[in-house]
Amino acid sequence: MYIAKSEGADFQLFRLSSLQSQRVKDIFIACTDKPTGFADAVKSIFPNAVVLISIVCQTRNSIKYAVGKNQKEFMRDLSPVYRAAGKAQAKAEPDNQELKWVMIT
């Protein structure tokens, strides 16, 4: 357990260096909710690691694109995408549904 005033890049580097000094040779997958500082720190200490954003964080971040009154329905419609068995199924899932959510960029 670590105590720090913030979870900045310096703290992440310290924490991961500490793991390495305790003889952790490699990390295969690191899952985070804040990909920027943590991902850079992981890659600098364990260059072969794959850094992923957790599915919970991805879905929470997705909800900000839906108007408040539509958020429950949006999350219900998004569920088959993030519960898909694989990448191909997840990409195909929106085609299986009625098109009702349009993102304008």
PDB file of N, CA and C in Angstrom:
ATOM      1  N   MET A   1       0.847  -1.162   0.000  1.00  0.00           N
ATOM      2  CA  MET A   1       0.000   0.000   0.000  1.00  0.00           C
ATOM      3  C   MET A   1       0.898   1.232   0.000  1.00  0.00           C
ATOM      4  N   TYR A   2       0.516   2.209  -0.797  1.00  0.00           N
ATOM      5  CA  TYR A   2       1.286   3.443  -0.900  1.00  0.00           C
ATOM      6  C   TYR A   2       0.398   4.630  -0.563  1.00  0.00           C
ATOM      7  N   ILE A   3       0.976   5.617   0.087  1.00  0.00           N
ATOM      8  CA  ILE A   3       0.256   6.844   0.406  1.00  0.00           C
ATOM      9  C   ILE A   3       0.975   7.991  -0.281  1.00  0.00           C
ATOM     10  N   ALA A   4       0.202   8.804  -1.011  1.00  0.00           N
ATOM     11  CA  ALA A   4       0.778   9.947  -1.718  1.00  0.00           C
ATOM     12  C   ALA A   4      -0.267  11.041  -1.826  1.00  0.00           C
ATOM     13  N   LYS A   5       0.191  12.271  -2.057  1.00  0.00           N
ATOM     14  CA  LYS A   5      -0.725  13.401  -2.200  1.00  0.00           C
ATOM     15  C   LYS A   5      -1.462  13.357  -3.540  1.00  0.00           C
ATOM     16  N   SER A   6      -0.848  12.749  -4.542  1.00  0.00           N
ATOM     17  CA  SER A   6      -1.486  12.655  -5.858  1.00  0.00           C
ATOM     18  C   SER A   6      -1.061  11.365  -6.533  1.00  0.00           C
ATOM     19  N   GLU A   7      -1.720  11.052  -7.636  1.00  0.00           N
ATOM     20  CA  GLU A   7      -1.387   9.845  -8.395  1.00  0.00           C
ATOM     21  C   GLU A   7      -0.698  10.217  -9.707  1.00  0.00           C
ATOM     22  N   GLY A   8       0.161  11.216  -9.665  1.00  0.00           N
ATOM     23  CA  GLY A   8       0.846  11.694 -10.856  1.00  0.00           C
ATOM     24  C   GLY A   8       1.858  10.693 -11.395  1.00  0.00           C
ATOM     25  N   ALA A   9       2.477  11.073 -12.497  1.00  0.00           N
ATOM     26  CA  ALA A   9       3.427  10.196 -13.182  1.00  0.00           C
ATOM     27  C   ALA A   9       4.614   9.832 -12.292  1.00  0.00           C
ATOM     28  N   ASP A  10       5.100  10.791 -11.495  1.00  0.00           N
ATOM     29  CA  ASP A  10       6.237  10.494 -10.604  1.00  0.00           C
ATOM     30  C   ASP A  10       5.887   9.418  -9.584  1.00  0.00           C
ATOM     31  N   PHE A  11       4.695   9.515  -9.011  1.00  0.00           N
ATOM     32  CA  PHE A  11       4.247   8.517  -8.044  1.00  0.00           C
ATOM     33  C   PHE A  11       4.110   7.152  -8.712  1.00  0.00           C
ATOM     34  N   GLN A  12       3.540   7.130  -9.918  1.00  0.00           N
ATOM     35  CA  GLN A  12       3.369   5.862 -10.641  1.00  0.00           C
ATOM     36  C   GLN A  12       4.723   5.232 -10.941  1.00  0.00           C
ATOM     37  N   LEU A  13       5.683   6.044 -11.364  1.00  0.00           N
ATOM     38  CA  LEU A  13       7.027   5.527 -11.630  1.00  0.00           C
ATOM     39  C   LEU A  13       7.651   4.946 -10.367  1.00  0.00           C
ATOM     40  N   PHE A  14       7.497   5.651  -9.255  1.00  0.00           N
ATOM     41  CA  PHE A  14       8.020   5.152  -7.979  1.00  0.00           C
ATOM     42  C   PHE A  14       7.390   3.811  -7.628  1.00  0.00           C
ATOM     43  N   ARG A  15       6.081   3.735  -7.752  1.00  0.00           N
ATOM     44  CA  ARG A  15       5.351   2.524  -7.389  1.00  0.00           C
ATOM     45  C   ARG A  15       5.770   1.337  -8.264  1.00  0.00           C
ATOM     46  N   LEU A  16       5.886   1.574  -9.561  1.00  0.00           N
ATOM     47  CA  LEU A  16       6.274   0.490 -10.470  1.00  0.00           C
ATOM     48  C   LEU A  16       7.741   0.114 -10.304  1.00  0.00           C
ATOM     49  N   SER A  17       8.586   1.085 -10.039  1.00  0.00           N
ATOM     50  CA  SER A  17      10.002   0.792  -9.769  1.00  0.00           C
ATOM     51  C   SER A  17      10.135  -0.055  -8.509  1.00  0.00           C
ATOM     52  N   SER A  18       9.283   0.236  -7.548  1.00  0.00           N
ATOM     53  CA  SER A  18       9.272  -0.540  -6.314  1.00  0.00           C
ATOM     54  C   SER A  18       8.922  -2.003  -6.602  1.00  0.00           C
ATOM     55  N   LEU A  19       7.941  -2.219  -7.461  1.00  0.00           N
ATOM     56  CA  LEU A  19       7.596  -3.593  -7.854  1.00  0.00           C
ATOM     57  C   LEU A  19       8.779  -4.282  -8.517  1.00  0.00           C
ATOM     58  N   GLN A  20       9.428  -3.548  -9.409  1.00  0.00           N
ATOM     59  CA  GLN A  20      10.569  -4.116 -10.124  1.00  0.00           C
ATOM     60  C   GLN A  20      11.698  -4.465  -9.144  1.00  0.00           C
ATOM     61  N   SER A  21      11.923  -3.612  -8.151  1.00  0.00           N
ATOM     62  CA  SER A  21      12.978  -3.891  -7.171  1.00  0.00           C
ATOM     63  C   SER A  21      12.631  -5.076  -6.279  1.00  0.00           C
ATOM     64  N   GLN A  22      11.346  -5.433  -6.244  1.00  0.00           N
ATOM     65  CA  GLN A  22      10.915  -6.609  -5.476  1.00  0.00           C
ATOM     66  C   GLN A  22      10.912  -7.858  -6.356  1.00  0.00           C
ATOM     67  N   ARG A  23      11.648  -7.788  -7.455  1.00  0.00           N
ATOM     68  CA  ARG A  23      11.888  -8.901  -8.376  1.00  0.00           C
ATOM     69  C   ARG A  23      10.715  -9.238  -9.291  1.00  0.00           C
ATOM     70  N   VAL A  24       9.785  -8.302  -9.500  1.00  0.00           N
ATOM     71  CA  VAL A  24       8.764  -8.508 -10.527  1.00  0.00           C
ATOM     72  C   VAL A  24       9.466  -8.294 -11.862  1.00  0.00           C
ATOM     73  N   LYS A  25       9.502  -9.335 -12.682  1.00  0.00           N
ATOM     74  CA  LYS A  25      10.262  -9.268 -13.929  1.00  0.00           C
ATOM     75  C   LYS A  25       9.478  -8.640 -15.072  1.00  0.00           C
ATOM     76  N   ASP A  26       8.164  -8.861 -15.105  1.00  0.00           N
ATOM     77  CA  ASP A  26       7.368  -8.328 -16.207  1.00  0.00           C
ATOM     78  C   ASP A  26       5.905  -8.255 -15.803  1.00  0.00           C
ATOM     79  N   ILE A  27       5.187  -7.378 -16.454  1.00  0.00           N
ATOM     80  CA  ILE A  27       3.740  -7.284 -16.316  1.00  0.00           C
ATOM     81  C   ILE A  27       3.172  -7.523 -17.714  1.00  0.00           C
ATOM     82  N   PHE A  28       2.241  -8.431 -17.825  1.00  0.00           N
ATOM     83  CA  PHE A  28       1.668  -8.734 -19.128  1.00  0.00           C
ATOM     84  C   PHE A  28       0.553  -7.759 -19.497  1.00  0.00           C
ATOM     85  N   ILE A  29      -0.370  -7.527 -18.568  1.00  0.00           N
ATOM     86  CA  ILE A  29      -1.497  -6.626 -18.809  1.00  0.00           C
ATOM     87  C   ILE A  29      -1.667  -5.741 -17.583  1.00  0.00           C
ATOM     88  N   ALA A  30      -1.767  -4.447 -17.821  1.00  0.00           N
ATOM     89  CA  ALA A  30      -2.075  -3.498 -16.750  1.00  0.00           C
ATOM     90  C   ALA A  30      -3.400  -2.835 -17.111  1.00  0.00           C
ATOM     91  N   CYS A  31      -4.301  -2.803 -16.176  1.00  0.00           N
ATOM     92  CA  CYS A  31      -5.628  -2.229 -16.411  1.00  0.00           C
ATOM     93  C   CYS A  31      -5.771  -0.989 -15.535  1.00  0.00           C
ATOM     94  N   THR A  32      -6.237   0.094 -16.122  1.00  0.00           N
ATOM     95  CA  THR A  32      -6.292   1.363 -15.409  1.00  0.00           C
ATOM     96  C   THR A  32      -7.537   2.156 -15.765  1.00  0.00           C
ATOM     97  N   ASP A  33      -7.814   3.173 -14.974  1.00  0.00           N
ATOM     98  CA  ASP A  33      -8.887   4.104 -15.306  1.00  0.00           C
ATOM     99  C   ASP A  33      -8.314   5.422 -15.806  1.00  0.00           C
ATOM    100  N   LYS A  34      -7.014   5.635 -15.618  1.00  0.00           N
ATOM    101  CA  LYS A  34      -6.349   6.858 -16.071  1.00  0.00           C
ATOM    102  C   LYS A  34      -5.169   6.467 -16.964  1.00  0.00           C
ATOM    103  N   PRO A  35      -5.390   6.364 -18.257  1.00  0.00           N
ATOM    104  CA  PRO A  35      -4.377   5.777 -19.128  1.00  0.00           C
ATOM    105  C   PRO A  35      -3.115   6.608 -19.346  1.00  0.00           C
ATOM    106  N   THR A  36      -3.151   7.916 -19.224  1.00  0.00           N
ATOM    107  CA  THR A  36      -2.014   8.725 -19.639  1.00  0.00           C
ATOM    108  C   THR A  36      -0.774   8.536 -18.778  1.00  0.00           C
ATOM    109  N   GLY A  37      -0.746   9.049 -17.558  1.00  0.00           N
ATOM    110  CA  GLY A  37       0.451   8.959 -16.725  1.00  0.00           C
ATOM    111  C   GLY A  37       0.812   7.538 -16.359  1.00  0.00           C
ATOM    112  N   PHE A  38      -0.186   6.752 -16.029  1.00  0.00           N
ATOM    113  CA  PHE A  38       0.059   5.371 -15.630  1.00  0.00           C
ATOM    114  C   PHE A  38       0.610   4.558 -16.803  1.00  0.00           C
ATOM    115  N   ALA A  39       0.014   4.722 -17.969  1.00  0.00           N
ATOM    116  CA  ALA A  39       0.464   3.963 -19.146  1.00  0.00           C
ATOM    117  C   ALA A  39       1.918   4.277 -19.471  1.00  0.00           C
ATOM    118  N   ASP A  40       2.289   5.541 -19.420  1.00  0.00           N
ATOM    119  CA  ASP A  40       3.677   5.932 -19.693  1.00  0.00           C
ATOM    120  C   ASP A  40       4.631   5.328 -18.667  1.00  0.00           C
ATOM    121  N   ALA A  41       4.213   5.344 -17.406  1.00  0.00           N
ATOM    122  CA  ALA A  41       5.055   4.781 -16.348  1.00  0.00           C
ATOM    123  C   ALA A  41       5.223   3.275 -16.526  1.00  0.00           C
ATOM    124  N   VAL A  42       4.143   2.577 -16.823  1.00  0.00           N
ATOM    125  CA  VAL A  42       4.214   1.129 -17.029  1.00  0.00           C
ATOM    126  C   VAL A  42       5.159   0.819 -18.183  1.00  0.00           C
ATOM    127  N   LYS A  43       4.982   1.528 -19.295  1.00  0.00           N
ATOM    128  CA  LYS A  43       5.809   1.264 -20.487  1.00  0.00           C
ATOM    129  C   LYS A  43       7.288   1.557 -20.234  1.00  0.00           C
ATOM    130  N   SER A  44       7.585   2.526 -19.371  1.00  0.00           N
ATOM    131  CA  SER A  44       8.994   2.839 -19.122  1.00  0.00           C
ATOM    132  C   SER A  44       9.664   1.777 -18.245  1.00  0.00           C
ATOM    133  N   ILE A  45       8.910   1.156 -17.348  1.00  0.00           N
ATOM    134  CA  ILE A  45       9.477   0.133 -16.459  1.00  0.00           C
ATOM    135  C   ILE A  45       9.313  -1.271 -17.046  1.00  0.00           C
ATOM    136  N   PHE A  46       8.151  -1.537 -17.638  1.00  0.00           N
ATOM    137  CA  PHE A  46       7.843  -2.842 -18.213  1.00  0.00           C
ATOM    138  C   PHE A  46       7.417  -2.638 -19.676  1.00  0.00           C
ATOM    139  N   PRO A  47       8.373  -2.497 -20.589  1.00  0.00           N
ATOM    140  CA  PRO A  47       8.072  -2.107 -21.974  1.00  0.00           C
ATOM    141  C   PRO A  47       7.195  -3.089 -22.753  1.00  0.00           C
ATOM    142  N   ASN A  48       7.114  -4.338 -22.334  1.00  0.00           N
ATOM    143  CA  ASN A  48       6.294  -5.316 -23.066  1.00  0.00           C
ATOM    144  C   ASN A  48       4.842  -5.372 -22.584  1.00  0.00           C
ATOM    145  N   ALA A  49       4.527  -4.618 -21.550  1.00  0.00           N
ATOM    146  CA  ALA A  49       3.176  -4.656 -20.982  1.00  0.00           C
ATOM    147  C   ALA A  49       2.157  -4.031 -21.928  1.00  0.00           C
ATOM    148  N   VAL A  50       0.958  -4.558 -21.901  1.00  0.00           N
ATOM    149  CA  VAL A  50      -0.172  -3.992 -22.625  1.00  0.00           C
ATOM    150  C   VAL A  50      -1.023  -3.253 -21.606  1.00  0.00           C
ATOM    151  N   VAL A  51      -1.308  -1.974 -21.857  1.00  0.00           N
ATOM    152  CA  VAL A  51      -2.097  -1.173 -20.923  1.00  0.00           C
ATOM    153  C   VAL A  51      -3.508  -1.007 -21.491  1.00  0.00           C
ATOM    154  N   LEU A  52      -4.486  -1.397 -20.712  1.00  0.00           N
ATOM    155  CA  LEU A  52      -5.889  -1.335 -21.121  1.00  0.00           C
ATOM    156  C   LEU A  52      -6.678  -0.435 -20.179  1.00  0.00           C
ATOM    157  N   ILE A  53      -7.709   0.188 -20.716  1.00  0.00           N
ATOM    158  CA  ILE A  53      -8.644   0.939 -19.876  1.00  0.00           C
ATOM    159  C   ILE A  53      -9.728  -0.038 -19.468  1.00  0.00           C
ATOM    160  N   SER A  54     -10.079  -0.058 -18.196  1.00  0.00           N
ATOM    161  CA  SER A  54     -11.069  -1.021 -17.714  1.00  0.00           C
ATOM    162  C   SER A  54     -12.415  -0.808 -18.404  1.00  0.00           C
ATOM    163  N   ILE A  55     -13.156  -1.883 -18.593  1.00  0.00           N
ATOM    164  CA  ILE A  55     -14.461  -1.810 -19.262  1.00  0.00           C
ATOM    165  C   ILE A  55     -15.425  -0.949 -18.465  1.00  0.00           C
ATOM    166  N   VAL A  56     -15.311  -0.964 -17.151  1.00  0.00           N
ATOM    167  CA  VAL A  56     -16.178  -0.118 -16.325  1.00  0.00           C
ATOM    168  C   VAL A  56     -15.912   1.349 -16.639  1.00  0.00           C
ATOM    169  N   CYS A  57     -14.646   1.718 -16.738  1.00  0.00           N
ATOM    170  CA  CYS A  57     -14.305   3.111 -17.042  1.00  0.00           C
ATOM    171  C   CYS A  57     -14.707   3.482 -18.459  1.00  0.00           C
ATOM    172  N   GLN A  58     -14.550   2.555 -19.392  1.00  0.00           N
ATOM    173  CA  GLN A  58     -14.957   2.844 -20.773  1.00  0.00           C
ATOM    174  C   GLN A  58     -16.455   3.101 -20.852  1.00  0.00           C
ATOM    175  N   THR A  59     -17.247   2.302 -20.157  1.00  0.00           N
ATOM    176  CA  THR A  59     -18.694   2.491 -20.220  1.00  0.00           C
ATOM    177  C   THR A  59     -19.103   3.759 -19.479  1.00  0.00           C
ATOM    178  N   ARG A  60     -18.459   4.049 -18.365  1.00  0.00           N
ATOM    179  CA  ARG A  60     -18.761   5.295 -17.647  1.00  0.00           C
ATOM    180  C   ARG A  60     -18.409   6.514 -18.496  1.00  0.00           C
ATOM    181  N   ASN A  61     -17.298   6.428 -19.226  1.00  0.00           N
ATOM    182  CA  ASN A  61     -16.913   7.532 -20.099  1.00  0.00           C
ATOM    183  C   ASN A  61     -17.880   7.668 -21.273  1.00  0.00           C
ATOM    184  N   SER A  62     -18.448   6.584 -21.732  1.00  0.00           N
ATOM    185  CA  SER A  62     -19.395   6.614 -22.854  1.00  0.00           C
ATOM    186  C   SER A  62     -20.681   7.333 -22.492  1.00  0.00           C
ATOM    187  N   ILE A  63     -21.087   7.229 -21.253  1.00  0.00           N
ATOM    188  CA  ILE A  63     -22.378   7.780 -20.834  1.00  0.00           C
ATOM    189  C   ILE A  63     -22.433   9.307 -20.962  1.00  0.00           C
ATOM    190  N   LYS A  64     -21.277   9.955 -20.927  1.00  0.00           N
ATOM    191  CA  LYS A  64     -21.274  11.416 -21.018  1.00  0.00           C
ATOM    192  C   LYS A  64     -21.743  11.916 -22.386  1.00  0.00           C
ATOM    193  N   TYR A  65     -21.829  11.019 -23.365  1.00  0.00           N
ATOM    194  CA  TYR A  65     -22.277  11.406 -24.703  1.00  0.00           C
ATOM    195  C   TYR A  65     -23.794  11.307 -24.866  1.00  0.00           C
ATOM    196  N   ALA A  66     -24.477  10.838 -23.844  1.00  0.00           N
ATOM    197  CA  ALA A  66     -25.935  10.705 -23.908  1.00  0.00           C
ATOM    198  C   ALA A  66     -26.582  11.737 -22.989  1.00  0.00           C
ATOM    199  N   VAL A  67     -27.677  12.298 -23.449  1.00  0.00           N
ATOM    200  CA  VAL A  67     -28.451  13.239 -22.636  1.00  0.00           C
ATOM    201  C   VAL A  67     -28.968  12.487 -21.410  1.00  0.00           C
ATOM    202  N   GLY A  68     -29.052  13.188 -20.273  1.00  0.00           N
ATOM    203  CA  GLY A  68     -29.440  12.573 -19.005  1.00  0.00           C
ATOM    204  C   GLY A  68     -30.642  11.654 -19.076  1.00  0.00           C
ATOM    205  N   LYS A  69     -31.706  12.073 -19.728  1.00  0.00           N
ATOM    206  CA  LYS A  69     -32.923  11.251 -19.776  1.00  0.00           C
ATOM    207  C   LYS A  69     -32.744   9.992 -20.625  1.00  0.00           C
ATOM    208  N   ASN A  70     -31.710   9.949 -21.473  1.00  0.00           N
ATOM    209  CA  ASN A  70     -31.480   8.791 -22.343  1.00  0.00           C
ATOM    210  C   ASN A  70     -30.372   7.871 -21.845  1.00  0.00           C
ATOM    211  N   GLN A  71     -29.746   8.200 -20.729  1.00  0.00           N
ATOM    212  CA  GLN A  71     -28.562   7.460 -20.305  1.00  0.00           C
ATOM    213  C   GLN A  71     -28.831   5.985 -20.001  1.00  0.00           C
ATOM    214  N   LYS A  72     -29.920   5.667 -19.329  1.00  0.00           N
ATOM    215  CA  LYS A  72     -30.211   4.260 -19.019  1.00  0.00           C
ATOM    216  C   LYS A  72     -30.435   3.454 -20.292  1.00  0.00           C
ATOM    217  N   GLU A  73     -31.202   4.012 -21.217  1.00  0.00           N
ATOM    218  CA  GLU A  73     -31.469   3.313 -22.480  1.00  0.00           C
ATOM    219  C   GLU A  73     -30.184   3.171 -23.293  1.00  0.00           C
ATOM    220  N   PHE A  74     -29.359   4.213 -23.297  1.00  0.00           N
ATOM    221  CA  PHE A  74     -28.083   4.180 -24.015  1.00  0.00           C
ATOM    222  C   PHE A  74     -27.190   3.070 -23.469  1.00  0.00           C
ATOM    223  N   MET A  75     -27.083   2.973 -22.144  1.00  0.00           N
ATOM    224  CA  MET A  75     -26.250   1.943 -21.537  1.00  0.00           C
ATOM    225  C   MET A  75     -26.808   0.545 -21.809  1.00  0.00           C
ATOM    226  N   ARG A  76     -28.123   0.420 -21.823  1.00  0.00           N
ATOM    227  CA  ARG A  76     -28.744  -0.871 -22.132  1.00  0.00           C
ATOM    228  C   ARG A  76     -28.410  -1.282 -23.574  1.00  0.00           C
ATOM    229  N   ASP A  77     -28.456  -0.326 -24.502  1.00  0.00           N
ATOM    230  CA  ASP A  77     -28.146  -0.617 -25.899  1.00  0.00           C
ATOM    231  C   ASP A  77     -26.650  -0.860 -26.123  1.00  0.00           C
ATOM    232  N   LEU A  78     -25.814  -0.254 -25.283  1.00  0.00           N
ATOM    233  CA  LEU A  78     -24.371  -0.437 -25.402  1.00  0.00           C
ATOM    234  C   LEU A  78     -23.915  -1.774 -24.827  1.00  0.00           C
ATOM    235  N   SER A  79     -24.694  -2.340 -23.940  1.00  0.00           N
ATOM    236  CA  SER A  79     -24.335  -3.574 -23.242  1.00  0.00           C
ATOM    237  C   SER A  79     -23.887  -4.715 -24.174  1.00  0.00           C
ATOM    238  N   PRO A  80     -24.602  -5.016 -25.278  1.00  0.00           N
ATOM    239  CA  PRO A  80     -24.140  -6.104 -26.136  1.00  0.00           C
ATOM    240  C   PRO A  80     -22.772  -5.844 -26.777  1.00  0.00           C
ATOM    241  N   VAL A  81     -22.403  -4.580 -26.901  1.00  0.00           N
ATOM    242  CA  VAL A  81     -21.095  -4.251 -27.474  1.00  0.00           C
ATOM    243  C   VAL A  81     -19.995  -4.622 -26.491  1.00  0.00           C
ATOM    244  N   TYR A  82     -20.102  -4.167 -25.234  1.00  0.00           N
ATOM    245  CA  TYR A  82     -19.019  -4.463 -24.294  1.00  0.00           C
ATOM    246  C   TYR A  82     -19.103  -5.857 -23.698  1.00  0.00           C
ATOM    247  N   ARG A  83     -20.184  -6.570 -23.929  1.00  0.00           N
ATOM    248  CA  ARG A  83     -20.278  -7.964 -23.475  1.00  0.00           C
ATOM    249  C   ARG A  83     -19.980  -8.956 -24.614  1.00  0.00           C
ATOM    250  N   ALA A  84     -19.616  -8.447 -25.771  1.00  0.00           N
ATOM    251  CA  ALA A  84     -19.339  -9.299 -26.934  1.00  0.00           C
ATOM    252  C   ALA A  84     -18.183 -10.253 -26.639  1.00  0.00           C
ATOM    253  N   ALA A  85     -18.217 -11.391 -27.292  1.00  0.00           N
ATOM    254  CA  ALA A  85     -17.194 -12.418 -27.077  1.00  0.00           C
ATOM    255  C   ALA A  85     -15.843 -12.036 -27.671  1.00  0.00           C
ATOM    256  N   GLY A  86     -15.835 -11.144 -28.636  1.00  0.00           N
ATOM    257  CA  GLY A  86     -14.583 -10.745 -29.265  1.00  0.00           C
ATOM    258  C   GLY A  86     -14.734  -9.427 -30.006  1.00  0.00           C
ATOM    259  N   LYS A  87     -13.619  -8.958 -30.539  1.00  0.00           N
ATOM    260  CA  LYS A  87     -13.584  -7.664 -31.223  1.00  0.00           C
ATOM    261  C   LYS A  87     -14.507  -7.630 -32.437  1.00  0.00           C
ATOM    262  N   ALA A  88     -14.504  -8.691 -33.236  1.00  0.00           N
ATOM    263  CA  ALA A  88     -15.339  -8.727 -34.441  1.00  0.00           C
ATOM    264  C   ALA A  88     -16.821  -8.637 -34.087  1.00  0.00           C
ATOM    265  N   GLN A  89     -17.226  -9.376 -33.062  1.00  0.00           N
ATOM    266  CA  GLN A  89     -18.628  -9.344 -32.640  1.00  0.00           C
ATOM    267  C   GLN A  89     -18.989  -7.964 -32.090  1.00  0.00           C
ATOM    268  N   ALA A  90     -18.093  -7.358 -31.340  1.00  0.00           N
ATOM    269  CA  ALA A  90     -18.352  -6.031 -30.778  1.00  0.00           C
ATOM    270  C   ALA A  90     -18.513  -4.995 -31.883  1.00  0.00           C
ATOM    271  N   LYS A  91     -17.690  -5.087 -32.917  1.00  0.00           N
ATOM    272  CA  LYS A  91     -17.797  -4.143 -34.037  1.00  0.00           C
ATOM    273  C   LYS A  91     -19.079  -4.358 -34.831  1.00  0.00           C
ATOM    274  N   ALA A  92     -19.531  -5.594 -34.922  1.00  0.00           N
ATOM    275  CA  ALA A  92     -20.734  -5.909 -35.699  1.00  0.00           C
ATOM    276  C   ALA A  92     -22.016  -5.603 -34.940  1.00  0.00           C
ATOM    277  N   GLU A  93     -21.955  -5.559 -33.631  1.00  0.00           N
ATOM    278  CA  GLU A  93     -23.153  -5.416 -32.806  1.00  0.00           C
ATOM    279  C   GLU A  93     -23.990  -4.179 -33.132  1.00  0.00           C
ATOM    280  N   PRO A  94     -23.404  -2.995 -33.317  1.00  0.00           N
ATOM    281  CA  PRO A  94     -24.247  -1.838 -33.661  1.00  0.00           C
ATOM    282  C   PRO A  94     -25.049  -2.051 -34.949  1.00  0.00           C
ATOM    283  N   ASP A  95     -24.529  -2.844 -35.884  1.00  0.00           N
ATOM    284  CA  ASP A  95     -25.256  -3.145 -37.122  1.00  0.00           C
ATOM    285  C   ASP A  95     -26.454  -4.053 -36.859  1.00  0.00           C
ATOM    286  N   ASN A  96     -26.410  -4.804 -35.760  1.00  0.00           N
ATOM    287  CA  ASN A  96     -27.501  -5.712 -35.407  1.00  0.00           C
ATOM    288  C   ASN A  96     -28.665  -4.984 -34.744  1.00  0.00           C
ATOM    289  N   GLN A  97     -28.439  -3.753 -34.359  1.00  0.00           N
ATOM    290  CA  GLN A  97     -29.468  -2.987 -33.669  1.00  0.00           C
ATOM    291  C   GLN A  97     -30.027  -1.901 -34.584  1.00  0.00           C
ATOM    292  N   GLU A  98     -31.175  -1.428 -34.211  1.00  0.00           N
ATOM    293  CA  GLU A  98     -31.762  -0.285 -34.893  1.00  0.00           C
ATOM    294  C   GLU A  98     -30.860   0.925 -34.640  1.00  0.00           C
ATOM    295  N   LEU A  99     -30.580   1.692 -35.679  1.00  0.00           N
ATOM    296  CA  LEU A  99     -29.712   2.860 -35.532  1.00  0.00           C
ATOM    297  C   LEU A  99     -30.481   3.985 -34.843  1.00  0.00           C
ATOM    298  N   LYS A 100     -30.162   4.254 -33.587  1.00  0.00           N
ATOM    299  CA  LYS A 100     -30.843   5.342 -32.900  1.00  0.00           C
ATOM    300  C   LYS A 100     -29.884   6.293 -32.212  1.00  0.00           C
ATOM    301  N   TRP A 101     -28.631   5.890 -32.061  1.00  0.00           N
ATOM    302  CA  TRP A 101     -27.647   6.748 -31.431  1.00  0.00           C
ATOM    303  C   TRP A 101     -26.663   7.211 -32.500  1.00  0.00           C
ATOM    304  N   VAL A 102     -26.664   8.491 -32.762  1.00  0.00           N
ATOM    305  CA  VAL A 102     -25.775   9.045 -33.775  1.00  0.00           C
ATOM    306  C   VAL A 102     -24.844  10.034 -33.090  1.00  0.00           C
ATOM    307  N   MET A 103     -23.565   9.857 -33.321  1.00  0.00           N
ATOM    308  CA  MET A 103     -22.589  10.760 -32.722  1.00  0.00           C
ATOM    309  C   MET A 103     -22.124  11.730 -33.799  1.00  0.00           C
ATOM    310  N   ILE A 104     -22.241  12.988 -33.513  1.00  0.00           N
ATOM    311  CA  ILE A 104     -21.794  14.031 -34.452  1.00  0.00           C
ATOM    312  C   ILE A 104     -20.457  14.557 -33.953  1.00  0.00           C
ATOM    313  N   THR A 105     -19.457  14.470 -34.794  1.00  0.00           N
ATOM    314  CA  THR A 105     -18.131  14.959 -34.396  1.00  0.00           C
ATOM    315  C   THR A 105     -17.734  16.162 -35.208  1.00  0.00           C
TER     316      THR A 105
END
